[in-house]
Amino acid sequence: MFNWCHGPNCHTHTTQSRVRGSKGNKVLRTIKLKLNRYGNYQNGIWNHFCNNKCLFDYLETHIQSIVAIAPRREALETPIKDPYKDDSRYFGWTIKKKEVDND
């Protein structure tokens, strides 16, 4: 199974892999993506975009619509234990999450 890249400008990138057509009728075409081409490695996103450029072009074009699907109206918080200085670590501090009961 295949998808076409969803990047809005994918068909304008001048790469050899996008060139299609017979002599005198050449075009640049959106890239066709094989589903699960990376196995299970991030297959959700890479089933729809051929590369980071196309992904970020899409996000830039549609960010307002994407955020409108599930807007964040308040900050999220994760309870943590008091941080403590730890000289054996590169950044010097250890921060651990608290165990939270979900009763």
PDB file of N, CA and C in Angstrom:
ATOM      1  N   MET A   1       0.841  -1.180   0.000  1.00  0.00           N
ATOM      2  CA  MET A   1       0.000   0.000   0.000  1.00  0.00           C
ATOM      3  C   MET A   1       0.885   1.242   0.000  1.00  0.00           C
ATOM      4  N   PHE A   2       0.331   2.332  -0.525  1.00  0.00           N
ATOM      5  CA  PHE A   2       1.087   3.566  -0.678  1.00  0.00           C
ATOM      6  C   PHE A   2       0.254   4.778  -0.288  1.00  0.00           C
ATOM      7  N   ASN A   3       0.924   5.863   0.078  1.00  0.00           N
ATOM      8  CA  ASN A   3       0.349   7.192   0.267  1.00  0.00           C
ATOM      9  C   ASN A   3       1.177   8.163  -0.556  1.00  0.00           C
ATOM     10  N   TRP A   4       0.597   9.309  -0.867  1.00  0.00           N
ATOM     11  CA  TRP A   4       1.354  10.396  -1.464  1.00  0.00           C
ATOM     12  C   TRP A   4       1.806  11.311  -0.342  1.00  0.00           C
ATOM     13  N   CYS A   5       2.999  11.875  -0.456  1.00  0.00           N
ATOM     14  CA  CYS A   5       3.509  12.816   0.540  1.00  0.00           C
ATOM     15  C   CYS A   5       2.521  13.974   0.675  1.00  0.00           C
ATOM     16  N   HIS A   6       2.235  14.381   1.923  1.00  0.00           N
ATOM     17  CA  HIS A   6       1.284  15.463   2.193  1.00  0.00           C
ATOM     18  C   HIS A   6       1.928  16.840   2.223  1.00  0.00           C
ATOM     19  N   GLY A   7       3.230  16.908   2.003  1.00  0.00           N
ATOM     20  CA  GLY A   7       3.912  18.209   1.980  1.00  0.00           C
ATOM     21  C   GLY A   7       3.325  19.086   0.885  1.00  0.00           C
ATOM     22  N   PRO A   8       2.887  20.302   1.228  1.00  0.00           N
ATOM     23  CA  PRO A   8       2.234  21.156   0.228  1.00  0.00           C
ATOM     24  C   PRO A   8       3.148  21.576  -0.916  1.00  0.00           C
ATOM     25  N   ASN A   9       4.465  21.505  -0.701  1.00  0.00           N
ATOM     26  CA  ASN A   9       5.409  21.902  -1.745  1.00  0.00           C
ATOM     27  C   ASN A   9       6.258  20.746  -2.249  1.00  0.00           C
ATOM     28  N   CYS A  10       5.893  19.526  -1.917  1.00  0.00           N
ATOM     29  CA  CYS A  10       6.688  18.359  -2.293  1.00  0.00           C
ATOM     30  C   CYS A  10       6.928  18.313  -3.805  1.00  0.00           C
ATOM     31  N   HIS A  11       5.926  18.651  -4.580  1.00  0.00           N
ATOM     32  CA  HIS A  11       6.029  18.576  -6.046  1.00  0.00           C
ATOM     33  C   HIS A  11       6.879  19.699  -6.646  1.00  0.00           C
ATOM     34  N   THR A  12       7.381  20.628  -5.800  1.00  0.00           N
ATOM     35  CA  THR A  12       8.199  21.724  -6.318  1.00  0.00           C
ATOM     36  C   THR A  12       9.683  21.542  -6.016  1.00  0.00           C
ATOM     37  N   HIS A  13      10.043  20.568  -5.183  1.00  0.00           N
ATOM     38  CA  HIS A  13      11.447  20.339  -4.829  1.00  0.00           C
ATOM     39  C   HIS A  13      12.163  19.697  -6.013  1.00  0.00           C
ATOM     40  N   THR A  14      13.264  20.284  -6.409  1.00  0.00           N
ATOM     41  CA  THR A  14      13.962  19.824  -7.615  1.00  0.00           C
ATOM     42  C   THR A  14      14.964  18.723  -7.287  1.00  0.00           C
ATOM     43  N   THR A  15      14.456  17.501  -7.162  1.00  0.00           N
ATOM     44  CA  THR A  15      15.307  16.328  -6.956  1.00  0.00           C
ATOM     45  C   THR A  15      15.040  15.327  -8.077  1.00  0.00           C
ATOM     46  N   GLN A  16      16.019  14.523  -8.381  1.00  0.00           N
ATOM     47  CA  GLN A  16      15.899  13.546  -9.460  1.00  0.00           C
ATOM     48  C   GLN A  16      14.774  12.548  -9.196  1.00  0.00           C
ATOM     49  N   SER A  17      14.528  12.226  -7.926  1.00  0.00           N
ATOM     50  CA  SER A  17      13.492  11.236  -7.602  1.00  0.00           C
ATOM     51  C   SER A  17      12.082  11.737  -7.907  1.00  0.00           C
ATOM     52  N   ARG A  18      11.913  13.027  -8.108  1.00  0.00           N
ATOM     53  CA  ARG A  18      10.584  13.585  -8.390  1.00  0.00           C
ATOM     54  C   ARG A  18      10.316  13.772  -9.892  1.00  0.00           C
ATOM     55  N   VAL A  19      11.332  13.623 -10.729  1.00  0.00           N
ATOM     56  CA  VAL A  19      11.174  13.840 -12.172  1.00  0.00           C
ATOM     57  C   VAL A  19      10.406  12.681 -12.789  1.00  0.00           C
ATOM     58  N   ARG A  20       9.352  12.992 -13.509  1.00  0.00           N
ATOM     59  CA  ARG A  20       8.524  11.980 -14.181  1.00  0.00           C
ATOM     60  C   ARG A  20       8.137  12.495 -15.572  1.00  0.00           C
ATOM     61  N   GLY A  21       7.720  11.584 -16.444  1.00  0.00           N
ATOM     62  CA  GLY A  21       7.221  11.964 -17.760  1.00  0.00           C
ATOM     63  C   GLY A  21       8.178  11.589 -18.877  1.00  0.00           C
ATOM     64  N   SER A  22       7.661  11.679 -20.108  1.00  0.00           N
ATOM     65  CA  SER A  22       8.461  11.348 -21.290  1.00  0.00           C
ATOM     66  C   SER A  22       9.198  12.592 -21.787  1.00  0.00           C
ATOM     67  N   LYS A  23      10.121  12.382 -22.687  1.00  0.00           N
ATOM     68  CA  LYS A  23      10.944  13.468 -23.219  1.00  0.00           C
ATOM     69  C   LYS A  23      10.063  14.606 -23.747  1.00  0.00           C
ATOM     70  N   GLY A  24      10.342  15.811 -23.281  1.00  0.00           N
ATOM     71  CA  GLY A  24       9.557  16.969 -23.700  1.00  0.00           C
ATOM     72  C   GLY A  24       8.332  17.222 -22.834  1.00  0.00           C
ATOM     73  N   ASN A  25       7.938  16.278 -21.988  1.00  0.00           N
ATOM     74  CA  ASN A  25       6.769  16.430 -21.115  1.00  0.00           C
ATOM     75  C   ASN A  25       7.130  16.110 -19.653  1.00  0.00           C
ATOM     76  N   LYS A  26       8.269  16.551 -19.199  1.00  0.00           N
ATOM     77  CA  LYS A  26       8.742  16.243 -17.848  1.00  0.00           C
ATOM     78  C   LYS A  26       7.994  17.092 -16.816  1.00  0.00           C
ATOM     79  N   VAL A  27       7.779  16.492 -15.642  1.00  0.00           N
ATOM     80  CA  VAL A  27       7.163  17.190 -14.510  1.00  0.00           C
ATOM     81  C   VAL A  27       7.877  16.766 -13.224  1.00  0.00           C
ATOM     82  N   LEU A  28       7.730  17.577 -12.189  1.00  0.00           N
ATOM     83  CA  LEU A  28       8.146  17.193 -10.844  1.00  0.00           C
ATOM     84  C   LEU A  28       6.892  16.701 -10.144  1.00  0.00           C
ATOM     85  N   ARG A  29       6.924  15.502  -9.598  1.00  0.00           N
ATOM     86  CA  ARG A  29       5.743  14.888  -8.993  1.00  0.00           C
ATOM     87  C   ARG A  29       5.964  14.657  -7.500  1.00  0.00           C
ATOM     88  N   THR A  30       4.892  14.767  -6.741  1.00  0.00           N
ATOM     89  CA  THR A  30       4.905  14.436  -5.317  1.00  0.00           C
ATOM     90  C   THR A  30       5.394  13.004  -5.143  1.00  0.00           C
ATOM     91  N   ILE A  31       6.162  12.771  -4.078  1.00  0.00           N
ATOM     92  CA  ILE A  31       6.732  11.440  -3.841  1.00  0.00           C
ATOM     93  C   ILE A  31       5.674  10.472  -3.319  1.00  0.00           C
ATOM     94  N   LYS A  32       5.707   9.263  -3.864  1.00  0.00           N
ATOM     95  CA  LYS A  32       4.825   8.179  -3.436  1.00  0.00           C
ATOM     96  C   LYS A  32       5.534   7.412  -2.327  1.00  0.00           C
ATOM     97  N   LEU A  33       4.851   7.224  -1.189  1.00  0.00           N
ATOM     98  CA  LEU A  33       5.462   6.604  -0.010  1.00  0.00           C
ATOM     99  C   LEU A  33       4.928   5.211   0.223  1.00  0.00           C
ATOM    100  N   LYS A  34       5.835   4.274   0.388  1.00  0.00           N
ATOM    101  CA  LYS A  34       5.437   2.920   0.765  1.00  0.00           C
ATOM    102  C   LYS A  34       5.090   2.933   2.253  1.00  0.00           C
ATOM    103  N   LEU A  35       3.938   2.400   2.634  1.00  0.00           N
ATOM    104  CA  LEU A  35       3.541   2.368   4.031  1.00  0.00           C
ATOM    105  C   LEU A  35       4.489   1.492   4.832  1.00  0.00           C
ATOM    106  N   ASN A  36       4.770   1.913   6.049  1.00  0.00           N
ATOM    107  CA  ASN A  36       5.661   1.194   6.972  1.00  0.00           C
ATOM    108  C   ASN A  36       7.043   0.975   6.379  1.00  0.00           C
ATOM    109  N   ARG A  37       7.545   1.953   5.627  1.00  0.00           N
ATOM    110  CA  ARG A  37       8.863   1.805   5.001  1.00  0.00           C
ATOM    111  C   ARG A  37       9.991   1.738   6.004  1.00  0.00           C
ATOM    112  N   TYR A  38       9.751   2.199   7.250  1.00  0.00           N
ATOM    113  CA  TYR A  38      10.764   2.095   8.303  1.00  0.00           C
ATOM    114  C   TYR A  38      10.365   1.078   9.355  1.00  0.00           C
ATOM    115  N   GLY A  39       9.567   0.106   8.997  1.00  0.00           N
ATOM    116  CA  GLY A  39       9.074  -0.867   9.965  1.00  0.00           C
ATOM    117  C   GLY A  39       8.135  -0.163  10.931  1.00  0.00           C
ATOM    118  N   ASN A  40       8.310  -0.381  12.208  1.00  0.00           N
ATOM    119  CA  ASN A  40       7.468   0.288  13.197  1.00  0.00           C
ATOM    120  C   ASN A  40       8.100   1.568  13.727  1.00  0.00           C
ATOM    121  N   TYR A  41       9.220   1.997  13.159  1.00  0.00           N
ATOM    122  CA  TYR A  41       9.899   3.194  13.628  1.00  0.00           C
ATOM    123  C   TYR A  41       9.148   4.429  13.141  1.00  0.00           C
ATOM    124  N   GLN A  42       8.434   5.084  14.017  1.00  0.00           N
ATOM    125  CA  GLN A  42       7.686   6.308  13.722  1.00  0.00           C
ATOM    126  C   GLN A  42       6.841   6.167  12.463  1.00  0.00           C
ATOM    127  N   ASN A  43       6.251   4.997  12.276  1.00  0.00           N
ATOM    128  CA  ASN A  43       5.522   4.780  11.024  1.00  0.00           C
ATOM    129  C   ASN A  43       4.305   5.681  10.882  1.00  0.00           C
ATOM    130  N   GLY A  44       3.769   6.190  11.971  1.00  0.00           N
ATOM    131  CA  GLY A  44       2.600   7.063  11.871  1.00  0.00           C
ATOM    132  C   GLY A  44       2.881   8.308  11.058  1.00  0.00           C
ATOM    133  N   ILE A  45       3.953   9.025  11.378  1.00  0.00           N
ATOM    134  CA  ILE A  45       4.250  10.287  10.703  1.00  0.00           C
ATOM    135  C   ILE A  45       4.905  10.066   9.346  1.00  0.00           C
ATOM    136  N   TRP A  46       5.791   9.088   9.258  1.00  0.00           N
ATOM    137  CA  TRP A  46       6.528   8.900   8.010  1.00  0.00           C
ATOM    138  C   TRP A  46       5.735   8.119   6.966  1.00  0.00           C
ATOM    139  N   ASN A  47       4.506   7.738   7.280  1.00  0.00           N
ATOM    140  CA  ASN A  47       3.605   7.198   6.257  1.00  0.00           C
ATOM    141  C   ASN A  47       2.957   8.329   5.470  1.00  0.00           C
ATOM    142  N   HIS A  48       3.187   9.585   5.884  1.00  0.00           N
ATOM    143  CA  HIS A  48       2.521  10.722   5.256  1.00  0.00           C
ATOM    144  C   HIS A  48       3.468  11.789   4.724  1.00  0.00           C
ATOM    145  N   PHE A  49       4.747  11.725   5.110  1.00  0.00           N
ATOM    146  CA  PHE A  49       5.715  12.735   4.674  1.00  0.00           C
ATOM    147  C   PHE A  49       7.006  12.061   4.233  1.00  0.00           C
ATOM    148  N   CYS A  50       7.595  12.556   3.139  1.00  0.00           N
ATOM    149  CA  CYS A  50       8.811  11.936   2.609  1.00  0.00           C
ATOM    150  C   CYS A  50      10.061  12.392   3.349  1.00  0.00           C
ATOM    151  N   ASN A  51      10.019  13.564   3.992  1.00  0.00           N
ATOM    152  CA  ASN A  51      11.183  14.058   4.731  1.00  0.00           C
ATOM    153  C   ASN A  51      10.760  15.172   5.693  1.00  0.00           C
ATOM    154  N   ASN A  52      11.714  15.679   6.470  1.00  0.00           N
ATOM    155  CA  ASN A  52      11.415  16.737   7.441  1.00  0.00           C
ATOM    156  C   ASN A  52      10.936  18.018   6.774  1.00  0.00           C
ATOM    157  N   LYS A  53      11.490  18.362   5.631  1.00  0.00           N
ATOM    158  CA  LYS A  53      11.092  19.591   4.928  1.00  0.00           C
ATOM    159  C   LYS A  53       9.604  19.562   4.619  1.00  0.00           C
ATOM    160  N   CYS A  54       9.124  18.461   4.068  1.00  0.00           N
ATOM    161  CA  CYS A  54       7.699  18.355   3.745  1.00  0.00           C
ATOM    162  C   CYS A  54       6.841  18.356   5.015  1.00  0.00           C
ATOM    163  N   LEU A  55       7.310  17.686   6.065  1.00  0.00           N
ATOM    164  CA  LEU A  55       6.584  17.677   7.333  1.00  0.00           C
ATOM    165  C   LEU A  55       6.452  19.092   7.880  1.00  0.00           C
ATOM    166  N   PHE A  56       7.544  19.834   7.938  1.00  0.00           N
ATOM    167  CA  PHE A  56       7.487  21.174   8.506  1.00  0.00           C
ATOM    168  C   PHE A  56       6.774  22.173   7.601  1.00  0.00           C
ATOM    169  N   ASP A  57       6.821  21.996   6.284  1.00  0.00           N
ATOM    170  CA  ASP A  57       6.010  22.821   5.377  1.00  0.00           C
ATOM    171  C   ASP A  57       4.524  22.627   5.682  1.00  0.00           C
ATOM    172  N   TYR A  58       4.136  21.367   5.893  1.00  0.00           N
ATOM    173  CA  TYR A  58       2.737  21.044   6.217  1.00  0.00           C
ATOM    174  C   TYR A  58       2.336  21.678   7.545  1.00  0.00           C
ATOM    175  N   LEU A  59       3.191  21.527   8.565  1.00  0.00           N
ATOM    176  CA  LEU A  59       2.884  22.103   9.878  1.00  0.00           C
ATOM    177  C   LEU A  59       2.764  23.618   9.798  1.00  0.00           C
ATOM    178  N   GLU A  60       3.664  24.262   9.073  1.00  0.00           N
ATOM    179  CA  GLU A  60       3.620  25.711   8.934  1.00  0.00           C
ATOM    180  C   GLU A  60       2.321  26.158   8.257  1.00  0.00           C
ATOM    181  N   THR A  61       1.881  25.414   7.275  1.00  0.00           N
ATOM    182  CA  THR A  61       0.653  25.755   6.542  1.00  0.00           C
ATOM    183  C   THR A  61      -0.596  25.509   7.375  1.00  0.00           C
ATOM    184  N   HIS A  62      -0.614  24.428   8.178  1.00  0.00           N
ATOM    185  CA  HIS A  62      -1.847  23.995   8.847  1.00  0.00           C
ATOM    186  C   HIS A  62      -1.828  24.076  10.372  1.00  0.00           C
ATOM    187  N   ILE A  63      -0.856  24.776  10.971  1.00  0.00           N
ATOM    188  CA  ILE A  63      -0.711  24.752  12.420  1.00  0.00           C
ATOM    189  C   ILE A  63      -1.961  25.231  13.158  1.00  0.00           C
ATOM    190  N   GLN A  64      -2.623  26.255  12.690  1.00  0.00           N
ATOM    191  CA  GLN A  64      -3.813  26.764  13.380  1.00  0.00           C
ATOM    192  C   GLN A  64      -4.938  25.727  13.392  1.00  0.00           C
ATOM    193  N   SER A  65      -5.137  25.031  12.303  1.00  0.00           N
ATOM    194  CA  SER A  65      -6.170  23.992  12.234  1.00  0.00           C
ATOM    195  C   SER A  65      -5.809  22.796  13.117  1.00  0.00           C
ATOM    196  N   ILE A  66      -4.532  22.449  13.158  1.00  0.00           N
ATOM    197  CA  ILE A  66      -4.086  21.312  13.966  1.00  0.00           C
ATOM    198  C   ILE A  66      -4.296  21.606  15.450  1.00  0.00           C
ATOM    199  N   VAL A  67      -3.886  22.780  15.893  1.00  0.00           N
ATOM    200  CA  VAL A  67      -4.032  23.158  17.299  1.00  0.00           C
ATOM    201  C   VAL A  67      -5.500  23.282  17.682  1.00  0.00           C
ATOM    202  N   ALA A  68      -6.339  23.685  16.757  1.00  0.00           N
ATOM    203  CA  ALA A  68      -7.773  23.829  17.038  1.00  0.00           C
ATOM    204  C   ALA A  68      -8.442  22.486  17.335  1.00  0.00           C
ATOM    205  N   ILE A  69      -7.844  21.385  16.910  1.00  0.00           N
ATOM    206  CA  ILE A  69      -8.408  20.054  17.172  1.00  0.00           C
ATOM    207  C   ILE A  69      -8.434  19.778  18.670  1.00  0.00           C
ATOM    208  N   ALA A  70      -7.362  20.107  19.365  1.00  0.00           N
ATOM    209  CA  ALA A  70      -7.276  19.869  20.811  1.00  0.00           C
ATOM    210  C   ALA A  70      -6.502  21.014  21.452  1.00  0.00           C
ATOM    211  N   PRO A  71      -7.129  22.174  21.608  1.00  0.00           N
ATOM    212  CA  PRO A  71      -6.412  23.329  22.163  1.00  0.00           C
ATOM    213  C   PRO A  71      -6.023  23.112  23.622  1.00  0.00           C
ATOM    214  N   ARG A  72      -4.894  23.662  24.023  1.00  0.00           N
ATOM    215  CA  ARG A  72      -4.436  23.595  25.409  1.00  0.00           C
ATOM    216  C   ARG A  72      -4.849  24.893  26.082  1.00  0.00           C
ATOM    217  N   ARG A  73      -5.743  24.799  27.062  1.00  0.00           N
ATOM    218  CA  ARG A  73      -6.277  25.979  27.731  1.00  0.00           C
ATOM    219  C   ARG A  73      -5.604  26.263  29.074  1.00  0.00           C
ATOM    220  N   GLU A  74      -4.846  25.293  29.585  1.00  0.00           N
ATOM    221  CA  GLU A  74      -4.113  25.506  30.826  1.00  0.00           C
ATOM    222  C   GLU A  74      -2.869  24.626  30.821  1.00  0.00           C
ATOM    223  N   ALA A  75      -1.911  25.003  31.668  1.00  0.00           N
ATOM    224  CA  ALA A  75      -0.643  24.272  31.729  1.00  0.00           C
ATOM    225  C   ALA A  75      -0.837  22.885  32.336  1.00  0.00           C
ATOM    226  N   LEU A  76      -0.022  21.935  31.906  1.00  0.00           N
ATOM    227  CA  LEU A  76       0.026  20.610  32.516  1.00  0.00           C
ATOM    228  C   LEU A  76       1.139  20.605  33.551  1.00  0.00           C
ATOM    229  N   GLU A  77       0.993  19.779  34.585  1.00  0.00           N
ATOM    230  CA  GLU A  77       2.024  19.677  35.615  1.00  0.00           C
ATOM    231  C   GLU A  77       2.265  18.218  35.972  1.00  0.00           C
ATOM    232  N   THR A  78       3.514  17.903  36.310  1.00  0.00           N
ATOM    233  CA  THR A  78       3.888  16.575  36.766  1.00  0.00           C
ATOM    234  C   THR A  78       4.479  16.724  38.165  1.00  0.00           C
ATOM    235  N   PRO A  79       3.891  16.072  39.179  1.00  0.00           N
ATOM    236  CA  PRO A  79       4.440  16.156  40.533  1.00  0.00           C
ATOM    237  C   PRO A  79       5.837  15.534  40.586  1.00  0.00           C
ATOM    238  N   ILE A  80       6.775  16.250  41.264  1.00  0.00           N
ATOM    239  CA  ILE A  80       8.141  15.754  41.402  1.00  0.00           C
ATOM    240  C   ILE A  80       8.573  15.823  42.868  1.00  0.00           C
ATOM    241  N   LYS A  81       9.584  15.038  43.188  1.00  0.00           N
ATOM    242  CA  LYS A  81      10.224  15.140  44.496  1.00  0.00           C
ATOM    243  C   LYS A  81      11.143  16.362  44.457  1.00  0.00           C
ATOM    244  N   ASP A  82      11.556  16.843  45.615  1.00  0.00           N
ATOM    245  CA  ASP A  82      12.460  17.997  45.647  1.00  0.00           C
ATOM    246  C   ASP A  82      13.752  17.670  44.898  1.00  0.00           C
ATOM    247  N   PRO A  83      14.140  18.517  43.939  1.00  0.00           N
ATOM    248  CA  PRO A  83      15.395  18.288  43.214  1.00  0.00           C
ATOM    249  C   PRO A  83      16.584  18.404  44.169  1.00  0.00           C
ATOM    250  N   TYR A  84      17.657  17.637  43.873  1.00  0.00           N
ATOM    251  CA  TYR A  84      18.846  17.747  44.709  1.00  0.00           C
ATOM    252  C   TYR A  84      20.097  17.789  43.842  1.00  0.00           C
ATOM    253  N   LYS A  85      21.097  18.482  44.354  1.00  0.00           N
ATOM    254  CA  LYS A  85      22.367  18.642  43.649  1.00  0.00           C
ATOM    255  C   LYS A  85      23.098  17.301  43.607  1.00  0.00           C
ATOM    256  N   ASP A  86      23.558  16.925  42.432  1.00  0.00           N
ATOM    257  CA  ASP A  86      24.255  15.651  42.254  1.00  0.00           C
ATOM    258  C   ASP A  86      25.471  15.903  41.368  1.00  0.00           C
ATOM    259  N   ASP A  87      26.641  16.019  41.980  1.00  0.00           N
ATOM    260  CA  ASP A  87      27.859  16.353  41.239  1.00  0.00           C
ATOM    261  C   ASP A  87      28.327  15.250  40.294  1.00  0.00           C
ATOM    262  N   SER A  88      27.782  14.051  40.431  1.00  0.00           N
ATOM    263  CA  SER A  88      28.195  12.961  39.540  1.00  0.00           C
ATOM    264  C   SER A  88      27.485  13.043  38.182  1.00  0.00           C
ATOM    265  N   ARG A  89      26.472  13.902  38.079  1.00  0.00           N
ATOM    266  CA  ARG A  89      25.729  14.059  36.818  1.00  0.00           C
ATOM    267  C   ARG A  89      26.242  15.258  36.043  1.00  0.00           C
ATOM    268  N   TYR A  90      26.141  15.201  34.740  1.00  0.00           N
ATOM    269  CA  TYR A  90      26.636  16.264  33.867  1.00  0.00           C
ATOM    270  C   TYR A  90      25.960  17.603  34.157  1.00  0.00           C
ATOM    271  N   PHE A  91      24.632  17.593  34.294  1.00  0.00           N
ATOM    272  CA  PHE A  91      23.906  18.839  34.538  1.00  0.00           C
ATOM    273  C   PHE A  91      23.846  19.199  36.017  1.00  0.00           C
ATOM    274  N   GLY A  92      24.240  18.300  36.901  1.00  0.00           N
ATOM    275  CA  GLY A  92      24.379  18.623  38.298  1.00  0.00           C
ATOM    276  C   GLY A  92      23.146  18.474  39.171  1.00  0.00           C
ATOM    277  N   TRP A  93      21.983  18.258  38.626  1.00  0.00           N
ATOM    278  CA  TRP A  93      20.759  18.140  39.412  1.00  0.00           C
ATOM    279  C   TRP A  93      20.045  16.842  39.070  1.00  0.00           C
ATOM    280  N   THR A  94      19.409  16.262  40.071  1.00  0.00           N
ATOM    281  CA  THR A  94      18.585  15.075  39.859  1.00  0.00           C
ATOM    282  C   THR A  94      17.144  15.450  40.172  1.00  0.00           C
ATOM    283  N   ILE A  95      16.278  15.183  39.232  1.00  0.00           N
ATOM    284  CA  ILE A  95      14.853  15.449  39.396  1.00  0.00           C
ATOM    285  C   ILE A  95      14.116  14.141  39.154  1.00  0.00           C
ATOM    286  N   LYS A  96      13.316  13.722  40.138  1.00  0.00           N
ATOM    287  CA  LYS A  96      12.560  12.468  40.016  1.00  0.00           C
ATOM    288  C   LYS A  96      11.075  12.742  40.165  1.00  0.00           C
ATOM    289  N   LYS A  97      10.281  12.002  39.398  1.00  0.00           N
ATOM    290  CA  LYS A  97       8.831  12.125  39.487  1.00  0.00           C
ATOM    291  C   LYS A  97       8.334  11.444  40.750  1.00  0.00           C
ATOM    292  N   LYS A  98       7.227  11.982  41.286  1.00  0.00           N
ATOM    293  CA  LYS A  98       6.572  11.342  42.442  1.00  0.00           C
ATOM    294  C   LYS A  98       5.696  10.231  41.942  1.00  0.00           C
ATOM    295  N   GLU A  99       5.556   9.203  42.758  1.00  0.00           N
ATOM    296  CA  GLU A  99       4.596   8.139  42.474  1.00  0.00           C
ATOM    297  C   GLU A  99       3.206   8.684  42.794  1.00  0.00           C
ATOM    298  N   VAL A 100       2.297   8.596  41.833  1.00  0.00           N
ATOM    299  CA  VAL A 100       0.950   9.138  42.027  1.00  0.00           C
ATOM    300  C   VAL A 100      -0.059   7.993  42.029  1.00  0.00           C
ATOM    301  N   ASP A 101      -0.915   7.965  43.037  1.00  0.00           N
ATOM    302  CA  ASP A 101      -1.988   6.963  43.092  1.00  0.00           C
ATOM    303  C   ASP A 101      -3.145   7.443  42.243  1.00  0.00           C
ATOM    304  N   ASN A 102      -3.644   6.578  41.394  1.00  0.00           N
ATOM    305  CA  ASN A 102      -4.781   6.913  40.518  1.00  0.00           C
ATOM    306  C   ASN A 102      -6.065   6.310  41.043  1.00  0.00           C
ATOM    307  N   ASP A 103      -6.390   6.594  42.302  1.00  0.00           N
ATOM    308  CA  ASP A 103      -7.621   6.056  42.885  1.00  0.00           C
ATOM    309  C   ASP A 103      -8.807   6.938  42.619  1.00  0.00           C
TER     310      ASP A 103
END
